[in-house]
N, C-alpha and C. Protein backbone atom coordinates (compact mmCIF):
# COMPACT_ATOMS: atom_id res chain seq x y z
N MET A 1 23.84 -6.34 9.76
CA MET A 1 23.61 -5.42 8.35
C MET A 1 24.48 -4.45 8.55
N SER A 2 24.34 -3.78 7.85
CA SER A 2 25.53 -2.73 7.89
C SER A 2 24.95 -1.64 8.05
N ILE A 3 25.33 -0.59 8.67
CA ILE A 3 24.50 0.63 9.01
C ILE A 3 24.03 1.55 7.77
N GLY A 4 24.96 1.11 6.58
CA GLY A 4 24.36 1.95 5.01
C GLY A 4 23.04 1.35 4.77
N LEU A 5 23.12 -0.17 4.87
CA LEU A 5 21.77 -0.73 4.73
C LEU A 5 20.36 -0.64 5.92
N LEU A 6 21.05 -0.04 7.11
CA LEU A 6 19.77 0.04 8.27
C LEU A 6 19.03 1.34 7.92
N VAL A 7 20.11 2.39 7.61
CA VAL A 7 19.69 3.59 7.03
C VAL A 7 18.91 4.04 5.73
N MET A 8 19.35 2.72 4.86
CA MET A 8 18.24 2.36 3.70
C MET A 8 16.80 2.17 4.12
N LEU A 9 16.52 1.00 4.89
CA LEU A 9 15.68 0.43 5.56
C LEU A 9 15.11 1.72 6.31
N LEU A 10 15.42 2.05 7.25
CA LEU A 10 14.79 3.32 7.98
C LEU A 10 14.12 4.62 7.21
N ALA A 11 15.06 5.11 6.22
CA ALA A 11 14.58 6.03 5.46
C ALA A 11 13.57 5.13 4.54
N GLY A 12 13.49 4.55 3.85
CA GLY A 12 12.74 3.91 3.15
C GLY A 12 11.00 3.68 3.85
N TRP A 13 10.89 2.85 5.11
CA TRP A 13 9.79 3.50 5.65
C TRP A 13 9.89 4.73 6.53
N LEU A 14 10.30 5.32 6.66
CA LEU A 14 10.04 6.85 7.24
C LEU A 14 9.77 7.62 5.98
N LEU A 15 9.87 7.78 4.89
CA LEU A 15 9.79 8.85 4.09
C LEU A 15 8.42 8.12 3.34
N TRP A 16 7.96 6.77 3.77
CA TRP A 16 6.86 6.09 3.05
C TRP A 16 5.43 6.23 4.47
N MET A 17 6.07 6.68 5.30
CA MET A 17 5.40 7.12 6.55
C MET A 17 4.69 8.35 6.82
N ILE A 18 5.84 9.51 6.95
CA ILE A 18 5.83 10.63 6.91
C ILE A 18 4.09 10.99 6.28
N PRO A 19 3.72 10.89 5.34
CA PRO A 19 2.12 11.93 4.34
C PRO A 19 1.21 11.33 5.34
N PHE A 20 1.31 9.50 6.37
CA PHE A 20 0.24 9.51 7.33
C PHE A 20 0.32 10.29 8.23
N ILE A 21 1.13 10.56 8.65
CA ILE A 21 1.79 11.37 10.13
C ILE A 21 1.12 12.36 9.86
N ARG A 22 1.65 13.26 9.19
CA ARG A 22 0.97 14.29 8.45
C ARG A 22 -0.37 15.36 8.70
N LEU A 23 -0.74 14.12 7.84
CA LEU A 23 -2.23 14.65 7.10
C LEU A 23 -3.25 14.59 8.52
N LYS A 24 -4.22 15.61 8.33
CA LYS A 24 -4.98 16.26 9.08
C LYS A 24 -6.00 15.45 8.82
N ARG A 25 -6.42 13.81 9.59
CA ARG A 25 -7.52 13.35 9.15
C ARG A 25 -8.71 13.86 9.82
N ASN A 26 -9.72 13.33 8.60
CA ASN A 26 -11.46 13.98 8.91
C ASN A 26 -11.48 12.63 10.20
N ARG A 27 -12.30 13.44 11.35
CA ARG A 27 -12.48 12.95 12.31
C ARG A 27 -13.78 12.62 12.57
N GLN A 28 -15.19 12.92 11.19
CA GLN A 28 -15.78 12.77 11.00
C GLN A 28 -16.42 10.94 11.00
N LYS A 29 -17.17 10.80 11.54
CA LYS A 29 -17.53 9.43 11.28
C LYS A 29 -18.22 9.33 10.20
N PRO A 30 -17.69 7.66 9.26
CA PRO A 30 -17.83 7.82 7.53
C PRO A 30 -19.36 7.65 7.39
N ALA A 31 -19.91 8.16 6.43
CA ALA A 31 -21.15 7.65 5.85
C ALA A 31 -21.61 6.48 5.60
N ARG A 32 -20.41 5.84 5.59
CA ARG A 32 -20.83 4.40 5.25
C ARG A 32 -19.32 3.77 5.52
N LEU A 33 -19.55 2.35 6.27
CA LEU A 33 -18.38 2.09 6.61
C LEU A 33 -18.32 0.46 6.23
N ASP A 34 -17.05 -0.40 6.01
CA ASP A 34 -17.55 -2.23 5.52
C ASP A 34 -16.09 -2.33 6.43
N ARG A 35 -16.23 -3.07 7.72
CA ARG A 35 -15.20 -3.30 8.25
C ARG A 35 -14.54 -4.61 7.74
N ARG A 36 -15.24 -5.15 6.86
CA ARG A 36 -14.61 -6.51 6.73
C ARG A 36 -12.87 -6.85 5.72
N ALA A 37 -12.82 -5.42 5.49
CA ALA A 37 -11.74 -4.83 5.40
C ALA A 37 -10.78 -5.22 6.24
N ARG A 38 -11.07 -5.18 7.71
CA ARG A 38 -10.06 -5.35 8.55
C ARG A 38 -9.07 -6.66 8.07
N TRP A 39 -9.60 -7.56 7.45
CA TRP A 39 -8.95 -9.16 7.51
C TRP A 39 -8.09 -8.83 6.51
N GLY A 40 -7.96 -8.08 5.35
CA GLY A 40 -7.39 -7.75 4.80
C GLY A 40 -5.71 -7.17 5.55
N ILE A 41 -6.73 -6.12 6.27
CA ILE A 41 -5.32 -5.66 7.07
C ILE A 41 -4.79 -6.23 7.75
N VAL A 42 -5.43 -7.47 8.98
CA VAL A 42 -4.47 -8.58 8.99
C VAL A 42 -3.78 -9.55 8.40
N LEU A 43 -4.07 -9.47 7.13
CA LEU A 43 -3.12 -10.96 6.24
C LEU A 43 -1.97 -9.30 6.09
N GLU A 44 -2.10 -8.36 5.37
CA GLU A 44 -1.21 -7.63 5.03
C GLU A 44 0.21 -7.23 6.26
N ALA A 45 -0.17 -7.18 7.31
CA ALA A 45 0.12 -7.16 8.99
C ALA A 45 1.14 -8.56 8.91
N VAL A 46 0.83 -10.01 9.19
CA VAL A 46 1.14 -10.63 8.82
C VAL A 46 2.08 -11.16 7.40
N ALA A 47 1.89 -10.39 6.76
CA ALA A 47 3.45 -10.53 5.50
C ALA A 47 4.02 -9.58 6.19
N TYR A 48 3.70 -8.63 6.20
CA TYR A 48 5.41 -7.76 6.44
C TYR A 48 5.86 -8.10 8.07
N TRP A 49 5.32 -8.97 9.07
CA TRP A 49 5.79 -9.58 9.81
C TRP A 49 6.45 -10.72 9.71
N LEU A 50 6.41 -11.71 8.58
CA LEU A 50 7.38 -12.38 7.84
C LEU A 50 8.34 -12.13 7.39
N LEU A 51 8.70 -10.65 7.16
CA LEU A 51 10.21 -9.89 6.37
C LEU A 51 10.83 -9.85 7.38
N TRP A 52 9.88 -9.46 8.40
CA TRP A 52 10.94 -9.20 9.59
C TRP A 52 11.58 -10.19 10.08
N ILE A 53 10.70 -11.11 11.12
CA ILE A 53 11.10 -12.06 11.83
C ILE A 53 12.64 -12.83 10.75
N SER A 54 12.40 -12.48 9.38
CA SER A 54 13.30 -13.38 8.83
C SER A 54 14.64 -13.39 8.57
N VAL A 55 15.06 -11.43 9.98
CA VAL A 55 15.77 -11.27 10.17
C VAL A 55 16.38 -12.02 10.78
N LEU A 56 15.77 -12.83 12.10
CA LEU A 56 16.73 -13.63 12.91
C LEU A 56 17.84 -14.54 12.29
N TRP A 57 17.76 -14.98 10.90
CA TRP A 57 18.58 -16.63 10.33
C TRP A 57 18.78 -15.69 9.02
N ARG A 58 19.17 -14.61 8.81
CA ARG A 58 19.36 -13.83 7.72
C ARG A 58 21.02 -13.20 7.51
N GLN A 59 22.07 -13.65 6.73
CA GLN A 59 23.09 -13.27 6.24
C GLN A 59 22.65 -12.01 5.20
N PRO A 60 23.59 -10.82 5.73
CA PRO A 60 23.26 -9.58 4.76
C PRO A 60 23.05 -9.91 3.71
N PRO A 61 22.82 -8.94 3.08
CA PRO A 61 22.05 -9.20 1.91
C PRO A 61 23.06 -9.63 0.71
N ALA A 62 22.57 -9.78 -0.64
CA ALA A 62 23.72 -9.40 -1.54
C ALA A 62 23.92 -8.35 -2.47
N LEU A 63 24.84 -8.05 -3.00
CA LEU A 63 25.28 -6.29 -3.18
C LEU A 63 23.32 -6.55 -4.52
N TRP A 64 23.85 -7.31 -5.41
CA TRP A 64 22.63 -7.01 -6.54
C TRP A 64 20.96 -6.60 -5.75
N ARG A 65 20.82 -7.10 -4.48
CA ARG A 65 19.53 -7.00 -3.58
C ARG A 65 19.19 -5.26 -3.14
N ILE A 66 20.40 -4.75 -3.20
CA ILE A 66 20.59 -3.33 -2.91
C ILE A 66 19.93 -2.43 -3.71
N ALA A 67 20.18 -2.52 -5.12
CA ALA A 67 19.75 -1.34 -6.06
C ALA A 67 18.08 -1.54 -6.16
N PRO A 68 17.38 -3.03 -6.51
CA PRO A 68 15.73 -2.77 -6.76
C PRO A 68 15.18 -2.57 -5.10
N ALA A 69 16.06 -2.56 -4.15
CA ALA A 69 15.19 -2.11 -2.67
C ALA A 69 15.27 -0.61 -2.85
N ALA A 70 16.34 -0.01 -3.08
CA ALA A 70 16.05 1.51 -3.54
C ALA A 70 15.54 2.04 -4.26
N VAL A 71 15.06 1.51 -5.52
CA VAL A 71 14.05 1.45 -5.99
C VAL A 71 12.59 1.00 -5.39
N PHE A 72 12.29 -0.06 -4.69
CA PHE A 72 10.98 0.14 -4.74
C PHE A 72 10.86 1.04 -3.24
N PHE A 73 11.75 1.03 -1.95
CA PHE A 73 11.34 2.38 -1.68
C PHE A 73 10.89 3.53 -2.00
N GLY A 74 11.90 4.25 -3.12
CA GLY A 74 11.91 5.35 -3.52
C GLY A 74 10.42 5.42 -3.90
N LEU A 75 9.88 4.02 -4.98
CA LEU A 75 8.87 4.04 -5.96
C LEU A 75 7.78 4.31 -4.69
N GLY A 76 7.97 3.38 -3.60
CA GLY A 76 6.72 3.49 -2.40
C GLY A 76 6.30 4.76 -1.81
N ALA A 77 8.02 5.41 -1.83
CA ALA A 77 7.68 6.93 -0.65
C ALA A 77 6.73 7.79 -1.87
N TRP A 78 7.30 7.84 -3.02
CA TRP A 78 6.47 8.74 -3.88
C TRP A 78 5.06 8.21 -4.01
N LEU A 79 4.53 7.06 -4.12
CA LEU A 79 3.38 6.60 -4.26
C LEU A 79 2.32 7.27 -3.05
N SER A 80 2.98 7.12 -1.75
CA SER A 80 2.82 7.67 -0.29
C SER A 80 2.41 8.75 -0.60
N TRP A 81 2.98 9.72 -0.35
CA TRP A 81 3.12 11.14 -0.77
C TRP A 81 2.17 11.81 -2.11
N ALA A 82 2.31 11.10 -3.29
CA ALA A 82 1.36 11.77 -3.99
C ALA A 82 -0.43 11.35 -3.49
N ALA A 83 -0.16 9.89 -3.56
CA ALA A 83 -1.67 9.36 -2.94
C ALA A 83 -2.09 10.20 -1.81
N VAL A 84 -1.98 10.13 -0.84
CA VAL A 84 -2.06 10.90 0.48
C VAL A 84 -2.43 12.29 0.28
N GLY A 85 -1.65 13.26 -0.89
CA GLY A 85 -1.75 14.51 -1.17
C GLY A 85 -3.13 14.90 -1.80
N THR A 86 -3.17 14.12 -2.57
CA THR A 86 -4.41 13.91 -3.15
C THR A 86 -5.62 13.43 -2.62
N LEU A 87 -5.69 12.26 -1.58
CA LEU A 87 -6.93 12.10 -1.39
C LEU A 87 -7.10 12.77 -0.25
N GLY A 88 -6.22 13.38 0.46
CA GLY A 88 -6.41 14.61 0.82
C GLY A 88 -7.29 13.64 2.39
N LYS A 89 -8.54 14.58 3.36
CA LYS A 89 -8.99 14.01 4.63
C LYS A 89 -10.09 12.73 4.08
N GLN A 90 -10.06 12.28 2.89
CA GLN A 90 -11.03 11.22 2.24
C GLN A 90 -9.98 9.87 3.05
N TRP A 91 -8.91 9.87 3.12
CA TRP A 91 -7.99 9.10 3.66
C TRP A 91 -8.55 8.47 4.74
N ARG A 92 -8.62 7.27 4.89
CA ARG A 92 -8.96 6.43 6.38
C ARG A 92 -8.52 5.22 6.65
N ILE A 93 -8.24 4.49 7.18
CA ILE A 93 -7.91 2.71 7.58
C ILE A 93 -9.01 2.11 7.03
N ASP A 94 -10.21 2.47 8.19
CA ASP A 94 -10.97 1.58 7.68
C ASP A 94 -11.69 1.96 6.07
N ALA A 95 -12.21 1.13 5.48
CA ALA A 95 -13.10 1.32 4.26
C ALA A 95 -13.96 1.84 4.09
N GLY A 96 -14.39 2.92 4.49
CA GLY A 96 -15.27 3.84 4.28
C GLY A 96 -15.59 5.00 3.65
N LEU A 97 -16.86 5.54 3.19
CA LEU A 97 -17.15 6.49 2.69
C LEU A 97 -17.73 7.99 3.17
N ASN A 98 -17.07 9.03 3.10
CA ASN A 98 -17.38 10.00 3.92
C ASN A 98 -18.86 10.20 3.46
N ALA A 99 -19.84 11.34 3.93
CA ALA A 99 -20.85 12.17 3.23
C ALA A 99 -20.84 12.97 1.93
N ASP A 100 -19.36 13.60 2.18
CA ASP A 100 -18.89 14.63 0.75
C ASP A 100 -18.04 13.52 0.05
N HIS A 101 -18.24 12.23 0.27
CA HIS A 101 -17.22 11.98 -0.47
C HIS A 101 -16.84 12.17 -1.86
N GLU A 102 -15.45 12.13 -2.47
CA GLU A 102 -15.64 12.24 -4.06
C GLU A 102 -14.74 11.42 -4.56
N LEU A 103 -15.09 11.25 -5.82
CA LEU A 103 -14.34 9.98 -6.91
C LEU A 103 -12.81 10.65 -7.10
N VAL A 104 -12.05 10.37 -7.00
CA VAL A 104 -10.52 10.60 -7.02
C VAL A 104 -10.36 10.03 -8.35
N ARG A 105 -9.89 10.63 -8.97
CA ARG A 105 -9.25 10.42 -10.59
C ARG A 105 -7.77 10.65 -10.82
N THR A 106 -7.15 11.64 -10.10
CA THR A 106 -6.58 12.44 -10.61
C THR A 106 -4.73 12.02 -9.77
N GLY A 107 -3.36 13.05 -9.87
CA GLY A 107 -2.21 12.04 -9.48
C GLY A 107 -2.47 10.59 -9.88
N PRO A 108 -1.43 10.10 -8.50
CA PRO A 108 -1.44 8.75 -8.69
C PRO A 108 -2.57 8.44 -9.24
N TYR A 109 -3.79 8.47 -8.72
CA TYR A 109 -5.34 8.45 -9.11
C TYR A 109 -5.71 7.64 -10.53
N ARG A 110 -4.38 8.24 -11.33
CA ARG A 110 -4.71 8.33 -12.47
C ARG A 110 -4.15 7.12 -13.16
N LEU A 111 -2.63 6.38 -12.31
CA LEU A 111 -1.72 5.16 -13.17
C LEU A 111 -2.44 3.45 -12.26
N VAL A 112 -3.34 4.08 -10.91
CA VAL A 112 -3.17 3.11 -10.47
C VAL A 112 -5.14 3.52 -9.31
N ARG A 113 -6.36 2.60 -9.15
CA ARG A 113 -7.00 2.93 -8.99
C ARG A 113 -6.79 2.71 -7.00
N HIS A 114 -5.69 2.22 -6.50
CA HIS A 114 -5.36 2.49 -4.76
C HIS A 114 -3.98 2.37 -4.75
N PRO A 115 -3.09 3.84 -5.02
CA PRO A 115 -2.50 3.80 -5.00
C PRO A 115 -1.60 3.71 -3.53
N ILE A 116 -2.33 3.60 -2.71
CA ILE A 116 -1.64 3.38 -1.03
C ILE A 116 -1.46 2.36 -0.91
N TYR A 117 -2.22 1.16 -1.27
CA TYR A 117 -1.94 0.43 -1.56
C TYR A 117 -0.57 -0.26 -2.81
N ALA A 118 -0.64 -0.13 -3.86
CA ALA A 118 0.78 0.09 -4.82
C ALA A 118 2.12 0.78 -3.51
N SER A 119 1.92 1.46 -2.89
CA SER A 119 2.83 2.15 -1.85
C SER A 119 3.47 1.16 -0.75
N MET A 120 2.75 0.11 -0.35
CA MET A 120 2.56 -0.63 0.89
C MET A 120 3.25 -1.87 0.01
N LEU A 121 2.95 -2.05 -1.31
CA LEU A 121 3.39 -3.28 -2.15
C LEU A 121 5.17 -2.66 -2.11
N CYS A 122 4.97 -1.47 -3.11
CA CYS A 122 6.75 -1.47 -2.64
C CYS A 122 7.63 -1.31 -1.72
N THR A 123 7.06 -1.11 -0.36
CA THR A 123 7.53 -1.03 0.51
C THR A 123 7.60 -2.28 1.27
N LEU A 124 6.71 -3.38 0.93
CA LEU A 124 6.89 -4.82 1.36
C LEU A 124 8.05 -5.11 0.39
N LEU A 125 8.02 -5.35 -0.91
CA LEU A 125 9.09 -5.62 -2.02
C LEU A 125 10.93 -4.67 -1.34
N GLY A 126 10.36 -3.72 -1.22
CA GLY A 126 11.86 -3.08 -0.54
C GLY A 126 12.62 -3.97 0.67
N THR A 127 11.05 -3.59 1.57
CA THR A 127 12.17 -4.45 2.48
C THR A 127 12.66 -5.91 2.52
N GLY A 128 11.64 -6.62 1.81
CA GLY A 128 11.83 -8.01 1.35
C GLY A 128 13.26 -8.68 0.72
N THR A 129 13.27 -7.49 0.05
CA THR A 129 15.04 -7.63 -1.07
C THR A 129 15.77 -7.30 -0.25
N LEU A 130 15.57 -6.49 1.12
CA LEU A 130 16.90 -6.00 2.09
C LEU A 130 17.23 -7.36 2.91
N LEU A 131 15.97 -7.86 3.80
CA LEU A 131 15.97 -8.59 4.41
C LEU A 131 16.19 -9.96 4.78
N THR A 132 14.94 -10.32 3.88
CA THR A 132 14.20 -12.08 3.60
C THR A 132 14.91 -12.70 2.37
N PRO A 133 15.11 -14.09 2.86
CA PRO A 133 14.98 -15.19 2.05
C PRO A 133 13.83 -15.04 0.71
N LEU A 134 14.21 -15.50 -0.73
CA LEU A 134 13.59 -15.41 -1.16
C LEU A 134 12.11 -16.53 -1.20
N PRO A 135 12.50 -17.43 -0.82
CA PRO A 135 11.03 -18.48 -0.17
C PRO A 135 10.00 -17.52 0.41
N ILE A 136 10.61 -17.30 1.86
CA ILE A 136 9.88 -15.91 2.80
C ILE A 136 9.28 -15.28 1.53
N LEU A 137 9.98 -14.46 1.22
CA LEU A 137 9.55 -13.41 0.53
C LEU A 137 8.41 -13.49 -0.36
N ALA A 138 8.54 -15.07 -0.95
CA ALA A 138 7.25 -15.09 -1.55
C ALA A 138 5.76 -15.45 -1.46
N ILE A 139 6.38 -16.01 0.28
CA ILE A 139 5.15 -16.48 1.02
C ILE A 139 4.89 -15.20 1.68
N SER A 140 5.20 -14.30 2.09
CA SER A 140 4.75 -12.70 2.30
C SER A 140 4.29 -12.20 1.16
N LEU A 141 4.79 -12.02 -0.20
CA LEU A 141 3.84 -11.10 -0.84
C LEU A 141 2.61 -11.97 -1.38
N VAL A 142 2.85 -13.06 -1.24
CA VAL A 142 0.85 -14.05 -1.67
C VAL A 142 0.14 -13.89 -0.16
N LEU A 143 0.53 -13.67 1.03
CA LEU A 143 -0.17 -13.18 1.99
C LEU A 143 -0.58 -11.58 1.77
N PHE A 144 0.03 -10.82 1.65
CA PHE A 144 -0.02 -9.35 1.27
C PHE A 144 -0.91 -9.40 -0.25
N LEU A 145 -0.46 -9.95 -0.93
CA LEU A 145 -1.54 -10.01 -2.05
C LEU A 145 -3.15 -10.53 -2.14
N VAL A 146 -3.28 -11.40 -0.96
CA VAL A 146 -4.36 -11.68 -0.67
C VAL A 146 -4.96 -10.69 -0.07
N GLY A 147 -4.43 -10.57 1.10
CA GLY A 147 -4.35 -9.52 1.92
C GLY A 147 -5.48 -8.56 1.19
N THR A 148 -4.59 -7.14 0.06
CA THR A 148 -4.27 -6.43 -0.33
C THR A 148 -6.14 -6.27 -1.43
N GLU A 149 -6.11 -7.87 -1.86
CA GLU A 149 -7.55 -8.07 -2.32
C GLU A 149 -8.65 -7.94 -1.96
N ILE A 150 -8.31 -8.67 -0.83
CA ILE A 150 -9.67 -8.50 0.09
C ILE A 150 -9.96 -6.87 0.24
N ARG A 151 -9.52 -5.81 0.53
CA ARG A 151 -9.25 -4.46 1.03
C ARG A 151 -9.52 -3.81 -0.49
N VAL A 152 -9.36 -4.40 -1.57
CA VAL A 152 -10.00 -3.35 -2.87
C VAL A 152 -10.90 -3.73 -3.29
N ARG A 153 -11.01 -5.28 -3.18
CA ARG A 153 -12.66 -5.89 -3.21
C ARG A 153 -13.84 -4.75 -2.08
N VAL A 154 -13.57 -5.09 -1.28
CA VAL A 154 -14.75 -3.93 -0.47
C VAL A 154 -14.43 -2.53 -0.77
N GLU A 155 -12.93 -2.22 -0.78
CA GLU A 155 -13.57 -0.78 -1.08
C GLU A 155 -14.16 -0.79 -2.51
N ASP A 156 -13.91 -1.03 -3.52
CA ASP A 156 -14.36 -0.74 -4.83
C ASP A 156 -15.75 -0.79 -4.27
N GLY A 157 -16.44 -2.14 -3.78
CA GLY A 157 -18.02 -1.83 -4.02
C GLY A 157 -18.50 -0.94 -3.02
N LEU A 158 -17.55 -0.27 -2.00
CA LEU A 158 -18.06 0.57 -1.56
C LEU A 158 -18.20 1.83 -2.91
N LEU A 159 -17.44 1.79 -3.22
CA LEU A 159 -17.40 3.20 -4.44
C LEU A 159 -18.34 2.84 -5.63
N GLU A 160 -18.73 1.43 -5.59
CA GLU A 160 -19.64 1.39 -6.97
C GLU A 160 -20.87 1.36 -6.18
N SER A 161 -20.75 1.44 -4.96
CA SER A 161 -22.09 1.62 -4.38
C SER A 161 -22.70 3.21 -4.34
N ARG A 162 -21.45 3.96 -4.45
CA ARG A 162 -21.73 5.48 -4.21
C ARG A 162 -21.57 5.79 -5.42
N PHE A 163 -20.63 5.71 -6.49
CA PHE A 163 -20.74 6.50 -7.85
C PHE A 163 -20.94 5.75 -9.10
N GLY A 164 -21.73 4.29 -8.98
CA GLY A 164 -22.40 3.76 -9.98
C GLY A 164 -21.19 3.59 -11.17
N ASP A 165 -21.88 3.74 -12.59
CA ASP A 165 -21.41 3.62 -13.67
C ASP A 165 -20.23 4.63 -13.62
N GLU A 166 -20.37 5.63 -12.86
CA GLU A 166 -19.04 6.18 -13.04
C GLU A 166 -17.82 5.83 -12.40
N PHE A 167 -17.78 5.17 -11.57
CA PHE A 167 -16.81 3.99 -11.15
C PHE A 167 -16.74 2.78 -11.47
N ARG A 168 -17.52 2.15 -12.50
CA ARG A 168 -17.99 1.24 -13.31
C ARG A 168 -16.70 1.59 -14.28
N SER A 169 -16.71 2.60 -15.08
CA SER A 169 -16.14 3.11 -16.08
C SER A 169 -14.64 3.65 -15.52
N TYR A 170 -14.59 4.06 -14.53
CA TYR A 170 -13.26 4.01 -14.15
C TYR A 170 -12.51 2.78 -13.89
N ARG A 171 -13.07 1.83 -13.19
CA ARG A 171 -12.66 0.48 -12.61
C ARG A 171 -12.03 -0.28 -14.04
N ALA A 172 -12.98 0.07 -15.10
CA ALA A 172 -12.56 -0.78 -16.78
C ALA A 172 -11.44 0.25 -16.91
N THR A 173 -11.05 0.70 -16.82
CA THR A 173 -9.57 1.53 -17.82
C THR A 173 -8.54 2.00 -17.04
N VAL A 174 -8.87 1.12 -15.16
CA VAL A 174 -7.74 1.69 -14.66
C VAL A 174 -7.57 0.72 -13.34
N SER A 175 -6.65 0.54 -13.76
CA SER A 175 -5.91 -1.14 -12.91
C SER A 175 -6.23 -1.13 -11.65
N ALA A 176 -5.90 -1.94 -10.49
CA ALA A 176 -6.48 -1.71 -8.62
C ALA A 176 -4.98 -1.23 -7.95
N TYR A 177 -3.55 -1.66 -8.53
CA TYR A 177 -2.51 -1.43 -7.38
C TYR A 177 -1.17 -1.88 -8.14
N VAL A 178 -1.56 -2.57 -9.52
CA VAL A 178 -0.69 -2.58 -10.00
C VAL A 178 -0.88 -2.42 -12.03
N PRO A 179 0.06 -0.76 -12.17
CA PRO A 179 -0.37 -0.83 -13.48
C PRO A 179 -0.63 -1.36 -14.54
N PHE A 180 -0.98 -1.54 -15.47
CA PHE A 180 -0.92 -2.58 -16.36
C PHE A 180 -1.53 -4.20 -16.05
N VAL A 181 -1.71 -4.27 -14.56
CA VAL A 181 -2.39 -5.33 -14.15
C VAL A 181 -4.00 -5.24 -14.21
N ARG A 182 -4.52 -6.03 -14.73
CA ARG A 182 -6.44 -6.30 -14.54
C ARG A 182 -6.86 -6.99 -13.71
């Protein structure tokens, strides 16, 4: 892999991760927590692992892959920064609701209900576009989507239990993590 592609890959990941590192997390115990979403995290992690393990048998990427990878990394970084900035202390790894949890519908949450998952999808696609043979990228994408669907359904259930009709209305008008896909 050339130095330029390595820099692009590392920059894409670093720009995506910075908002999570900088975030001052709410250390309070959540009022409600659903650990079933952890199964989704496991599947998402396996999906990312498949992208990286394929480097062992990979040739340098074709030139056509560089531009889409850059777009995915840029979009993923933007979504990550915007979502974390908008969500603030409500963000957590586990699916949970704080005692003072609010239903956020501003910023990137106007486009998708789960922009952090959208940012993760973009980062997966950027990485896979640069590193991974297309059949393995397809398998990775399926695993990622299954894991993300588990997480979305658990989180949506928590939000619906807390916000009721307000959340149902939001869910009916805003896609989960890919705009315009219901």
